[in-house]
Amino acid sequence: MASKALFKYLPGHQAGASASVSVLVNGAVVRMSPAASLAAGLLAAGITAVRVSPVGQGARAPYCMMGVCFECLVDINGRPNQQACLITPQDGMEVTTMQAAPCALPQQEAKHV
């Protein structure tokens, strides 16, 4: 799931374990700063593909980081289509990446990242 992180926190931003929260991402615990957005925390953890495009089934990642592009859609605590760039991570939050668009793809054609 996670690869080498392309994004890193600035020095002093994440001082230690007390400065982070535990978020369950696709069943794995990910520690991230509560001072940044959920999308930033996912990117810093090396999780770049958060959903699959309904057109072409390509992997998509957070892009604009300000709520305009809708590329960072994830399922948060059972609620689909939440913009990760506009959400602050909370301790115990459950995040599931959106692997397919059920309304656009038949189940047998859904591809997983």
PDB file of N, CA and C in Angstrom:
ATOM      1  N   MET A   1       0.832  -1.184   0.000  1.00  0.00           N
ATOM      2  CA  MET A   1       0.000   0.000   0.000  1.00  0.00           C
ATOM      3  C   MET A   1       0.874   1.244   0.000  1.00  0.00           C
ATOM      4  N   ALA A   2       1.692   1.436   1.000  1.00  0.00           N
ATOM      5  CA  ALA A   2       2.525   2.631   1.081  1.00  0.00           C
ATOM      6  C   ALA A   2       3.859   2.387   0.400  1.00  0.00           C
ATOM      7  N   SER A   3       4.275   3.369  -0.348  1.00  0.00           N
ATOM      8  CA  SER A   3       5.591   3.309  -0.968  1.00  0.00           C
ATOM      9  C   SER A   3       6.451   4.376  -0.304  1.00  0.00           C
ATOM     10  N   LYS A   4       7.606   4.645  -0.874  1.00  0.00           N
ATOM     11  CA  LYS A   4       8.458   5.685  -0.302  1.00  0.00           C
ATOM     12  C   LYS A   4       7.729   7.024  -0.401  1.00  0.00           C
ATOM     13  N   ALA A   5       7.675   7.741   0.708  1.00  0.00           N
ATOM     14  CA  ALA A   5       6.947   9.006   0.760  1.00  0.00           C
ATOM     15  C   ALA A   5       7.573  10.047  -0.162  1.00  0.00           C
ATOM     16  N   LEU A   6       6.740  10.709  -0.946  1.00  0.00           N
ATOM     17  CA  LEU A   6       7.197  11.784  -1.815  1.00  0.00           C
ATOM     18  C   LEU A   6       7.145  13.131  -1.106  1.00  0.00           C
ATOM     19  N   PHE A   7       6.386  13.184  -0.015  1.00  0.00           N
ATOM     20  CA  PHE A   7       6.211  14.412   0.743  1.00  0.00           C
ATOM     21  C   PHE A   7       6.698  14.180   2.159  1.00  0.00           C
ATOM     22  N   LYS A   8       7.272  15.193   2.761  1.00  0.00           N
ATOM     23  CA  LYS A   8       7.765  15.086   4.130  1.00  0.00           C
ATOM     24  C   LYS A   8       7.328  16.320   4.908  1.00  0.00           C
ATOM     25  N   TYR A   9       7.130  16.134   6.216  1.00  0.00           N
ATOM     26  CA  TYR A   9       6.808  17.266   7.069  1.00  0.00           C
ATOM     27  C   TYR A   9       8.032  18.151   7.216  1.00  0.00           C
ATOM     28  N   LEU A  10       7.816  19.443   7.391  1.00  0.00           N
ATOM     29  CA  LEU A  10       8.910  20.371   7.632  1.00  0.00           C
ATOM     30  C   LEU A  10       9.538  20.075   8.992  1.00  0.00           C
ATOM     31  N   PRO A  11      10.822  20.370   9.164  1.00  0.00           N
ATOM     32  CA  PRO A  11      11.463  20.130  10.460  1.00  0.00           C
ATOM     33  C   PRO A  11      10.690  20.842  11.577  1.00  0.00           C
ATOM     34  N   GLY A  12      10.474  20.123  12.671  1.00  0.00           N
ATOM     35  CA  GLY A  12       9.771  20.693  13.803  1.00  0.00           C
ATOM     36  C   GLY A  12       8.263  20.591  13.725  1.00  0.00           C
ATOM     37  N   HIS A  13       7.721  20.212  12.563  1.00  0.00           N
ATOM     38  CA  HIS A  13       6.268  20.119  12.412  1.00  0.00           C
ATOM     39  C   HIS A  13       5.682  18.959  13.191  1.00  0.00           C
ATOM     40  N   GLN A  14       6.343  17.805  13.117  1.00  0.00           N
ATOM     41  CA  GLN A  14       5.867  16.610  13.809  1.00  0.00           C
ATOM     42  C   GLN A  14       6.929  16.206  14.820  1.00  0.00           C
ATOM     43  N   ALA A  15       6.834  16.764  16.010  1.00  0.00           N
ATOM     44  CA  ALA A  15       7.883  16.607  17.010  1.00  0.00           C
ATOM     45  C   ALA A  15       8.006  15.197  17.561  1.00  0.00           C
ATOM     46  N   GLY A  16       6.936  14.451  17.631  1.00  0.00           N
ATOM     47  CA  GLY A  16       6.996  13.109  18.187  1.00  0.00           C
ATOM     48  C   GLY A  16       5.648  12.437  18.171  1.00  0.00           C
ATOM     49  N   ALA A  17       5.556  11.304  18.865  1.00  0.00           N
ATOM     50  CA  ALA A  17       4.324  10.527  18.863  1.00  0.00           C
ATOM     51  C   ALA A  17       3.152  11.309  19.437  1.00  0.00           C
ATOM     52  N   SER A  18       3.421  12.206  20.397  1.00  0.00           N
ATOM     53  CA  SER A  18       2.334  12.977  20.993  1.00  0.00           C
ATOM     54  C   SER A  18       1.766  13.999  20.009  1.00  0.00           C
ATOM     55  N   ALA A  19       2.526  14.315  18.956  1.00  0.00           N
ATOM     56  CA  ALA A  19       2.083  15.284  17.965  1.00  0.00           C
ATOM     57  C   ALA A  19       1.423  14.607  16.774  1.00  0.00           C
ATOM     58  N   SER A  20       0.993  13.359  16.944  1.00  0.00           N
ATOM     59  CA  SER A  20       0.363  12.664  15.835  1.00  0.00           C
ATOM     60  C   SER A  20      -0.868  11.906  16.311  1.00  0.00           C
ATOM     61  N   VAL A  21      -1.698  11.531  15.341  1.00  0.00           N
ATOM     62  CA  VAL A  21      -2.894  10.737  15.616  1.00  0.00           C
ATOM     63  C   VAL A  21      -2.797   9.441  14.818  1.00  0.00           C
ATOM     64  N   SER A  22      -3.515   8.421  15.269  1.00  0.00           N
ATOM     65  CA  SER A  22      -3.552   7.137  14.563  1.00  0.00           C
ATOM     66  C   SER A  22      -4.802   7.081  13.702  1.00  0.00           C
ATOM     67  N   VAL A  23      -4.604   6.883  12.408  1.00  0.00           N
ATOM     68  CA  VAL A  23      -5.700   6.764  11.457  1.00  0.00           C
ATOM     69  C   VAL A  23      -5.597   5.390  10.819  1.00  0.00           C
ATOM     70  N   LEU A  24      -6.708   4.674  10.731  1.00  0.00           N
ATOM     71  CA  LEU A  24      -6.736   3.355  10.108  1.00  0.00           C
ATOM     72  C   LEU A  24      -6.993   3.550   8.618  1.00  0.00           C
ATOM     73  N   VAL A  25      -6.007   3.234   7.779  1.00  0.00           N
ATOM     74  CA  VAL A  25      -6.117   3.409   6.337  1.00  0.00           C
ATOM     75  C   VAL A  25      -6.086   2.036   5.684  1.00  0.00           C
ATOM     76  N   ASN A  26      -7.187   1.635   5.092  1.00  0.00           N
ATOM     77  CA  ASN A  26      -7.311   0.317   4.463  1.00  0.00           C
ATOM     78  C   ASN A  26      -6.870  -0.796   5.407  1.00  0.00           C
ATOM     79  N   GLY A  27      -7.191  -0.650   6.681  1.00  0.00           N
ATOM     80  CA  GLY A  27      -6.884  -1.669   7.673  1.00  0.00           C
ATOM     81  C   GLY A  27      -5.536  -1.548   8.343  1.00  0.00           C
ATOM     82  N   ALA A  28      -4.695  -0.622   7.908  1.00  0.00           N
ATOM     83  CA  ALA A  28      -3.365  -0.440   8.504  1.00  0.00           C
ATOM     84  C   ALA A  28      -3.323   0.879   9.275  1.00  0.00           C
ATOM     85  N   VAL A  29      -2.665   0.864  10.426  1.00  0.00           N
ATOM     86  CA  VAL A  29      -2.546   2.075  11.237  1.00  0.00           C
ATOM     87  C   VAL A  29      -1.488   2.994  10.625  1.00  0.00           C
ATOM     88  N   VAL A  30      -1.874   4.245  10.419  1.00  0.00           N
ATOM     89  CA  VAL A  30      -0.958   5.258   9.884  1.00  0.00           C
ATOM     90  C   VAL A  30      -0.951   6.428  10.871  1.00  0.00           C
ATOM     91  N   ARG A  31       0.246   6.820  11.309  1.00  0.00           N
ATOM     92  CA  ARG A  31       0.390   7.969  12.211  1.00  0.00           C
ATOM     93  C   ARG A  31       0.553   9.215  11.339  1.00  0.00           C
ATOM     94  N   MET A  32      -0.193  10.263  11.680  1.00  0.00           N
ATOM     95  CA  MET A  32      -0.072  11.516  10.933  1.00  0.00           C
ATOM     96  C   MET A  32      -0.344  12.707  11.830  1.00  0.00           C
ATOM     97  N   SER A  33       0.074  13.856  11.374  1.00  0.00           N
ATOM     98  CA  SER A  33      -0.087  15.083  12.138  1.00  0.00           C
ATOM     99  C   SER A  33      -1.534  15.559  12.106  1.00  0.00           C
ATOM    100  N   PRO A  34      -2.089  15.934  13.257  1.00  0.00           N
ATOM    101  CA  PRO A  34      -3.431  16.501  13.266  1.00  0.00           C
ATOM    102  C   PRO A  34      -3.449  17.966  12.817  1.00  0.00           C
ATOM    103  N   ALA A  35      -2.269  18.525  12.569  1.00  0.00           N
ATOM    104  CA  ALA A  35      -2.174  19.924  12.157  1.00  0.00           C
ATOM    105  C   ALA A  35      -2.245  20.088  10.642  1.00  0.00           C
ATOM    106  N   ALA A  36      -2.217  18.989   9.899  1.00  0.00           N
ATOM    107  CA  ALA A  36      -2.287  19.027   8.440  1.00  0.00           C
ATOM    108  C   ALA A  36      -3.566  18.331   7.995  1.00  0.00           C
ATOM    109  N   SER A  37      -3.882  18.417   6.724  1.00  0.00           N
ATOM    110  CA  SER A  37      -5.077  17.744   6.214  1.00  0.00           C
ATOM    111  C   SER A  37      -4.848  16.236   6.124  1.00  0.00           C
ATOM    112  N   LEU A  38      -5.944  15.506   6.023  1.00  0.00           N
ATOM    113  CA  LEU A  38      -5.860  14.058   5.856  1.00  0.00           C
ATOM    114  C   LEU A  38      -5.100  13.719   4.577  1.00  0.00           C
ATOM    115  N   ALA A  39      -5.350  14.458   3.502  1.00  0.00           N
ATOM    116  CA  ALA A  39      -4.645  14.218   2.233  1.00  0.00           C
ATOM    117  C   ALA A  39      -3.138  14.407   2.406  1.00  0.00           C
ATOM    118  N   ALA A  40      -2.728  15.440   3.127  1.00  0.00           N
ATOM    119  CA  ALA A  40      -1.299  15.668   3.369  1.00  0.00           C
ATOM    120  C   ALA A  40      -0.706  14.536   4.188  1.00  0.00           C
ATOM    121  N   GLY A  41      -1.445  14.043   5.169  1.00  0.00           N
ATOM    122  CA  GLY A  41      -0.986  12.918   5.980  1.00  0.00           C
ATOM    123  C   GLY A  41      -0.830  11.650   5.164  1.00  0.00           C
ATOM    124  N   LEU A  42      -1.764  11.409   4.253  1.00  0.00           N
ATOM    125  CA  LEU A  42      -1.672  10.232   3.384  1.00  0.00           C
ATOM    126  C   LEU A  42      -0.448  10.338   2.474  1.00  0.00           C
ATOM    127  N   LEU A  43      -0.240  11.505   1.884  1.00  0.00           N
ATOM    128  CA  LEU A  43       0.920  11.698   1.006  1.00  0.00           C
ATOM    129  C   LEU A  43       2.228  11.554   1.773  1.00  0.00           C
ATOM    130  N   ALA A  44       2.284  12.110   2.979  1.00  0.00           N
ATOM    131  CA  ALA A  44       3.495  12.013   3.800  1.00  0.00           C
ATOM    132  C   ALA A  44       3.778  10.569   4.205  1.00  0.00           C
ATOM    133  N   ALA A  45       2.729   9.737   4.291  1.00  0.00           N
ATOM    134  CA  ALA A  45       2.893   8.326   4.640  1.00  0.00           C
ATOM    135  C   ALA A  45       3.220   7.476   3.417  1.00  0.00           C
ATOM    136  N   GLY A  46       3.290   8.095   2.245  1.00  0.00           N
ATOM    137  CA  GLY A  46       3.615   7.354   1.023  1.00  0.00           C
ATOM    138  C   GLY A  46       2.408   6.764   0.330  1.00  0.00           C
ATOM    139  N   ILE A  47       1.210   7.132   0.765  1.00  0.00           N
ATOM    140  CA  ILE A  47      -0.019   6.635   0.143  1.00  0.00           C
ATOM    141  C   ILE A  47      -0.456   7.667  -0.889  1.00  0.00           C
ATOM    142  N   THR A  48      -0.216   7.373  -2.154  1.00  0.00           N
ATOM    143  CA  THR A  48      -0.517   8.350  -3.194  1.00  0.00           C
ATOM    144  C   THR A  48      -1.782   8.033  -3.971  1.00  0.00           C
ATOM    145  N   ALA A  49      -2.044   6.782  -4.278  1.00  0.00           N
ATOM    146  CA  ALA A  49      -3.253   6.422  -5.020  1.00  0.00           C
ATOM    147  C   ALA A  49      -4.406   6.263  -4.034  1.00  0.00           C
ATOM    148  N   VAL A  50      -5.335   7.237  -4.032  1.00  0.00           N
ATOM    149  CA  VAL A  50      -6.442   7.179  -3.085  1.00  0.00           C
ATOM    150  C   VAL A  50      -7.756   6.772  -3.726  1.00  0.00           C
ATOM    151  N   ARG A  51      -7.820   6.793  -5.048  1.00  0.00           N
ATOM    152  CA  ARG A  51      -9.039   6.366  -5.728  1.00  0.00           C
ATOM    153  C   ARG A  51      -8.701   5.952  -7.144  1.00  0.00           C
ATOM    154  N   VAL A  52      -9.702   5.398  -7.829  1.00  0.00           N
ATOM    155  CA  VAL A  52      -9.556   4.994  -9.221  1.00  0.00           C
ATOM    156  C   VAL A  52     -10.512   5.830 -10.056  1.00  0.00           C
ATOM    157  N   SER A  53     -10.043   6.353 -11.161  1.00  0.00           N
ATOM    158  CA  SER A  53     -10.872   7.164 -12.037  1.00  0.00           C
ATOM    159  C   SER A  53     -11.953   6.304 -12.691  1.00  0.00           C
ATOM    160  N   PRO A  54     -13.203   6.789 -12.705  1.00  0.00           N
ATOM    161  CA  PRO A  54     -14.255   6.032 -13.377  1.00  0.00           C
ATOM    162  C   PRO A  54     -14.056   6.007 -14.890  1.00  0.00           C
ATOM    163  N   VAL A  55     -13.262   6.930 -15.418  1.00  0.00           N
ATOM    164  CA  VAL A  55     -12.967   6.957 -16.851  1.00  0.00           C
ATOM    165  C   VAL A  55     -11.518   6.509 -17.022  1.00  0.00           C
ATOM    166  N   GLY A  56     -11.304   5.332 -17.524  1.00  0.00           N
ATOM    167  CA  GLY A  56      -9.967   4.814 -17.751  1.00  0.00           C
ATOM    168  C   GLY A  56      -9.379   4.021 -16.602  1.00  0.00           C
ATOM    169  N   GLN A  57     -10.009   4.025 -15.441  1.00  0.00           N
ATOM    170  CA  GLN A  57      -9.594   3.276 -14.265  1.00  0.00           C
ATOM    171  C   GLN A  57      -8.159   3.546 -13.820  1.00  0.00           C
ATOM    172  N   GLY A  58      -7.665   4.754 -14.064  1.00  0.00           N
ATOM    173  CA  GLY A  58      -6.326   5.123 -13.630  1.00  0.00           C
ATOM    174  C   GLY A  58      -6.287   5.522 -12.168  1.00  0.00           C
ATOM    175  N   ALA A  59      -5.161   5.271 -11.529  1.00  0.00           N
ATOM    176  CA  ALA A  59      -4.976   5.668 -10.132  1.00  0.00           C
ATOM    177  C   ALA A  59      -4.942   7.190 -10.044  1.00  0.00           C
ATOM    178  N   ARG A  60      -5.609   7.742  -9.027  1.00  0.00           N
ATOM    179  CA  ARG A  60      -5.677   9.182  -8.822  1.00  0.00           C
ATOM    180  C   ARG A  60      -5.140   9.527  -7.442  1.00  0.00           C
ATOM    181  N   ALA A  61      -4.566  10.702  -7.300  1.00  0.00           N
ATOM    182  CA  ALA A  61      -3.973  11.145  -6.040  1.00  0.00           C
ATOM    183  C   ALA A  61      -4.419  12.576  -5.744  1.00  0.00           C
ATOM    184  N   PRO A  62      -4.287  13.016  -4.485  1.00  0.00           N
ATOM    185  CA  PRO A  62      -4.584  14.412  -4.170  1.00  0.00           C
ATOM    186  C   PRO A  62      -3.768  15.328  -5.076  1.00  0.00           C
ATOM    187  N   TYR A  63      -4.400  16.385  -5.550  1.00  0.00           N
ATOM    188  CA  TYR A  63      -3.751  17.258  -6.524  1.00  0.00           C
ATOM    189  C   TYR A  63      -3.717  18.712  -6.078  1.00  0.00           C
ATOM    190  N   CYS A  64      -4.883  19.347  -5.956  1.00  0.00           N
ATOM    191  CA  CYS A  64      -4.890  20.787  -5.682  1.00  0.00           C
ATOM    192  C   CYS A  64      -4.735  21.116  -4.198  1.00  0.00           C
ATOM    193  N   MET A  65      -5.121  20.192  -3.336  1.00  0.00           N
ATOM    194  CA  MET A  65      -5.017  20.336  -1.880  1.00  0.00           C
ATOM    195  C   MET A  65      -5.836  21.504  -1.323  1.00  0.00           C
ATOM    196  N   MET A  66      -6.878  21.930  -2.061  1.00  0.00           N
ATOM    197  CA  MET A  66      -7.727  23.013  -1.558  1.00  0.00           C
ATOM    198  C   MET A  66      -9.201  22.802  -1.867  1.00  0.00           C
ATOM    199  N   GLY A  67      -9.599  21.592  -2.264  1.00  0.00           N
ATOM    200  CA  GLY A  67     -11.009  21.278  -2.424  1.00  0.00           C
ATOM    201  C   GLY A  67     -11.625  21.578  -3.769  1.00  0.00           C
ATOM    202  N   VAL A  68     -10.816  21.850  -4.781  1.00  0.00           N
ATOM    203  CA  VAL A  68     -11.358  22.204  -6.092  1.00  0.00           C
ATOM    204  C   VAL A  68     -11.415  21.013  -7.045  1.00  0.00           C
ATOM    205  N   CYS A  69     -10.397  20.169  -7.042  1.00  0.00           N
ATOM    206  CA  CYS A  69     -10.274  19.140  -8.087  1.00  0.00           C
ATOM    207  C   CYS A  69     -10.997  17.822  -7.790  1.00  0.00           C
ATOM    208  N   PHE A  70     -11.300  17.516  -6.543  1.00  0.00           N
ATOM    209  CA  PHE A  70     -11.988  16.291  -6.128  1.00  0.00           C
ATOM    210  C   PHE A  70     -11.193  15.013  -6.439  1.00  0.00           C
ATOM    211  N   GLU A  71      -9.883  15.117  -6.575  1.00  0.00           N
ATOM    212  CA  GLU A  71      -9.053  13.934  -6.827  1.00  0.00           C
ATOM    213  C   GLU A  71      -8.742  13.164  -5.545  1.00  0.00           C
ATOM    214  N   CYS A  72      -8.988  13.748  -4.387  1.00  0.00           N
ATOM    215  CA  CYS A  72      -8.613  13.132  -3.113  1.00  0.00           C
ATOM    216  C   CYS A  72      -9.783  12.430  -2.425  1.00  0.00           C
ATOM    217  N   LEU A  73     -10.808  12.042  -3.174  1.00  0.00           N
ATOM    218  CA  LEU A  73     -11.987  11.432  -2.570  1.00  0.00           C
ATOM    219  C   LEU A  73     -11.662  10.094  -1.917  1.00  0.00           C
ATOM    220  N   VAL A  74     -12.089   9.934  -0.672  1.00  0.00           N
ATOM    221  CA  VAL A  74     -11.916   8.695   0.087  1.00  0.00           C
ATOM    222  C   VAL A  74     -13.192   8.422   0.878  1.00  0.00           C
ATOM    223  N   ASP A  75     -13.279   7.240   1.424  1.00  0.00           N
ATOM    224  CA  ASP A  75     -14.374   6.851   2.317  1.00  0.00           C
ATOM    225  C   ASP A  75     -13.870   7.085   3.742  1.00  0.00           C
ATOM    226  N   ILE A  76     -14.570   7.914   4.517  1.00  0.00           N
ATOM    227  CA  ILE A  76     -14.156   8.209   5.891  1.00  0.00           C
ATOM    228  C   ILE A  76     -15.260   7.780   6.839  1.00  0.00           C
ATOM    229  N   ASN A  77     -14.927   6.846   7.728  1.00  0.00           N
ATOM    230  CA  ASN A  77     -15.883   6.331   8.713  1.00  0.00           C
ATOM    231  C   ASN A  77     -17.193   5.894   8.060  1.00  0.00           C
ATOM    232  N   GLY A  78     -17.081   5.239   6.903  1.00  0.00           N
ATOM    233  CA  GLY A  78     -18.258   4.713   6.215  1.00  0.00           C
ATOM    234  C   GLY A  78     -18.974   5.701   5.311  1.00  0.00           C
ATOM    235  N   ARG A  79     -18.502   6.928   5.234  1.00  0.00           N
ATOM    236  CA  ARG A  79     -19.110   7.933   4.353  1.00  0.00           C
ATOM    237  C   ARG A  79     -18.250   8.089   3.107  1.00  0.00           C
ATOM    238  N   PRO A  80     -18.770   7.702   1.933  1.00  0.00           N
ATOM    239  CA  PRO A  80     -17.986   7.787   0.699  1.00  0.00           C
ATOM    240  C   PRO A  80     -17.880   9.217   0.174  1.00  0.00           C
ATOM    241  N   ASN A  81     -16.957   9.413  -0.748  1.00  0.00           N
ATOM    242  CA  ASN A  81     -16.783  10.673  -1.474  1.00  0.00           C
ATOM    243  C   ASN A  81     -16.459  11.869  -0.578  1.00  0.00           C
ATOM    244  N   GLN A  82     -15.609  11.660   0.395  1.00  0.00           N
ATOM    245  CA  GLN A  82     -15.167  12.738   1.273  1.00  0.00           C
ATOM    246  C   GLN A  82     -13.838  13.289   0.746  1.00  0.00           C
ATOM    247  N   GLN A  83     -13.713  14.606   0.700  1.00  0.00           N
ATOM    248  CA  GLN A  83     -12.480  15.235   0.223  1.00  0.00           C
ATOM    249  C   GLN A  83     -11.439  15.233   1.340  1.00  0.00           C
ATOM    250  N   ALA A  84     -10.413  14.419   1.176  1.00  0.00           N
ATOM    251  CA  ALA A  84      -9.379  14.273   2.198  1.00  0.00           C
ATOM    252  C   ALA A  84      -8.597  15.564   2.430  1.00  0.00           C
ATOM    253  N   CYS A  85      -8.532  16.428   1.437  1.00  0.00           N
ATOM    254  CA  CYS A  85      -7.776  17.676   1.605  1.00  0.00           C
ATOM    255  C   CYS A  85      -8.499  18.686   2.493  1.00  0.00           C
ATOM    256  N   LEU A  86      -9.786  18.477   2.742  1.00  0.00           N
ATOM    257  CA  LEU A  86     -10.567  19.406   3.558  1.00  0.00           C
ATOM    258  C   LEU A  86     -10.882  18.858   4.943  1.00  0.00           C
ATOM    259  N   ILE A  87     -10.353  17.662   5.259  1.00  0.00           N
ATOM    260  CA  ILE A  87     -10.648  16.986   6.518  1.00  0.00           C
ATOM    261  C   ILE A  87      -9.384  16.951   7.374  1.00  0.00           C
ATOM    262  N   THR A  88      -9.547  17.237   8.657  1.00  0.00           N
ATOM    263  CA  THR A  88      -8.447  17.123   9.608  1.00  0.00           C
ATOM    264  C   THR A  88      -8.443  15.709  10.174  1.00  0.00           C
ATOM    265  N   PRO A  89      -7.299  15.022  10.170  1.00  0.00           N
ATOM    266  CA  PRO A  89      -7.262  13.665  10.709  1.00  0.00           C
ATOM    267  C   PRO A  89      -7.604  13.635  12.197  1.00  0.00           C
ATOM    268  N   GLN A  90      -8.371  12.638  12.583  1.00  0.00           N
ATOM    269  CA  GLN A  90      -8.775  12.447  13.975  1.00  0.00           C
ATOM    270  C   GLN A  90      -8.280  11.082  14.438  1.00  0.00           C
ATOM    271  N   ASP A  91      -7.935  10.977  15.709  1.00  0.00           N
ATOM    272  CA  ASP A  91      -7.516   9.699  16.276  1.00  0.00           C
ATOM    273  C   ASP A  91      -8.641   8.679  16.122  1.00  0.00           C
ATOM    274  N   GLY A  92      -8.330   7.508  15.559  1.00  0.00           N
ATOM    275  CA  GLY A  92      -9.310   6.451  15.390  1.00  0.00           C
ATOM    276  C   GLY A  92     -10.125   6.533  14.115  1.00  0.00           C
ATOM    277  N   MET A  93      -9.895   7.539  13.299  1.00  0.00           N
ATOM    278  CA  MET A  93     -10.614   7.689  12.031  1.00  0.00           C
ATOM    279  C   MET A  93     -10.326   6.490  11.134  1.00  0.00           C
ATOM    280  N   GLU A  94     -11.355   5.999  10.433  1.00  0.00           N
ATOM    281  CA  GLU A  94     -11.188   4.878   9.503  1.00  0.00           C
ATOM    282  C   GLU A  94     -11.329   5.390   8.078  1.00  0.00           C
ATOM    283  N   VAL A  95     -10.280   5.226   7.304  1.00  0.00           N
ATOM    284  CA  VAL A  95     -10.241   5.715   5.929  1.00  0.00           C
ATOM    285  C   VAL A  95     -10.073   4.522   4.993  1.00  0.00           C
ATOM    286  N   THR A  96     -10.885   4.496   3.947  1.00  0.00           N
ATOM    287  CA  THR A  96     -10.768   3.469   2.919  1.00  0.00           C
ATOM    288  C   THR A  96     -10.602   4.176   1.583  1.00  0.00           C
ATOM    289  N   THR A  97      -9.568   3.811   0.845  1.00  0.00           N
ATOM    290  CA  THR A  97      -9.397   4.399  -0.478  1.00  0.00           C
ATOM    291  C   THR A  97     -10.499   3.859  -1.378  1.00  0.00           C
ATOM    292  N   MET A  98     -10.904   4.681  -2.326  1.00  0.00           N
ATOM    293  CA  MET A  98     -12.000   4.300  -3.223  1.00  0.00           C
ATOM    294  C   MET A  98     -11.412   3.600  -4.441  1.00  0.00           C
ATOM    295  N   GLN A  99     -11.518   2.293  -4.448  1.00  0.00           N
ATOM    296  CA  GLN A  99     -10.869   1.486  -5.474  1.00  0.00           C
ATOM    297  C   GLN A  99     -11.617   1.440  -6.798  1.00  0.00           C
ATOM    298  N   ALA A 100     -12.876   1.821  -6.815  1.00  0.00           N
ATOM    299  CA  ALA A 100     -13.658   1.836  -8.055  1.00  0.00           C
ATOM    300  C   ALA A 100     -14.861   2.733  -7.850  1.00  0.00           C
ATOM    301  N   ALA A 101     -15.431   3.177  -8.934  1.00  0.00           N
ATOM    302  CA  ALA A 101     -16.663   3.961  -8.867  1.00  0.00           C
ATOM    303  C   ALA A 101     -17.812   3.018  -9.180  1.00  0.00           C
ATOM    304  N   PRO A 102     -18.520   2.475  -8.166  1.00  0.00           N
ATOM    305  CA  PRO A 102     -19.555   1.480  -8.390  1.00  0.00           C
ATOM    306  C   PRO A 102     -20.632   1.916  -9.366  1.00  0.00           C
ATOM    307  N   CYS A 103     -20.947   3.206  -9.394  1.00  0.00           N
ATOM    308  CA  CYS A 103     -21.994   3.659 -10.304  1.00  0.00           C
ATOM    309  C   CYS A 103     -21.513   3.690 -11.754  1.00  0.00           C
ATOM    310  N   ALA A 104     -20.210   3.730 -11.985  1.00  0.00           N
ATOM    311  CA  ALA A 104     -19.686   3.844 -13.333  1.00  0.00           C
ATOM    312  C   ALA A 104     -19.132   2.533 -13.884  1.00  0.00           C
ATOM    313  N   LEU A 105     -18.782   1.595 -13.016  1.00  0.00           N
ATOM    314  CA  LEU A 105     -18.171   0.349 -13.458  1.00  0.00           C
ATOM    315  C   LEU A 105     -18.954  -0.859 -12.960  1.00  0.00           C
ATOM    316  N   PRO A 106     -19.236  -1.813 -13.827  1.00  0.00           N
ATOM    317  CA  PRO A 106     -19.799  -3.061 -13.335  1.00  0.00           C
ATOM    318  C   PRO A 106     -18.798  -3.742 -12.397  1.00  0.00           C
ATOM    319  N   GLN A 107     -19.277  -4.453 -11.398  1.00  0.00           N
ATOM    320  CA  GLN A 107     -18.399  -5.089 -10.402  1.00  0.00           C
ATOM    321  C   GLN A 107     -17.339  -5.978 -11.036  1.00  0.00           C
ATOM    322  N   GLN A 108     -17.661  -6.740 -12.056  1.00  0.00           N
ATOM    323  CA  GLN A 108     -16.665  -7.658 -12.627  1.00  0.00           C
ATOM    324  C   GLN A 108     -15.555  -6.908 -13.361  1.00  0.00           C
ATOM    325  N   GLU A 109     -15.752  -5.643 -13.727  1.00  0.00           N
ATOM    326  CA  GLU A 109     -14.736  -4.883 -14.421  1.00  0.00           C
ATOM    327  C   GLU A 109     -13.910  -3.998 -13.514  1.00  0.00           C
ATOM    328  N   ALA A 110     -14.306  -3.891 -12.246  1.00  0.00           N
ATOM    329  CA  ALA A 110     -13.577  -3.004 -11.320  1.00  0.00           C
ATOM    330  C   ALA A 110     -12.157  -3.495 -11.144  1.00  0.00           C
ATOM    331  N   LYS A 111     -11.200  -2.591 -11.318  1.00  0.00           N
ATOM    332  CA  LYS A 111      -9.784  -2.916 -11.136  1.00  0.00           C
ATOM    333  C   LYS A 111      -9.338  -2.345  -9.810  1.00  0.00           C
ATOM    334  N   HIS A 112      -8.444  -3.034  -9.143  1.00  0.00           N
ATOM    335  CA  HIS A 112      -7.957  -2.606  -7.836  1.00  0.00           C
ATOM    336  C   HIS A 112      -6.532  -2.137  -7.940  1.00  0.00           C
ATOM    337  N   VAL A 113      -6.235  -1.072  -7.197  1.00  0.00           N
ATOM    338  CA  VAL A 113      -4.873  -0.520  -7.162  1.00  0.00           C
ATOM    339  C   VAL A 113      -4.089  -1.208  -6.094  1.00  0.00           C
TER     340      VAL A 113
END
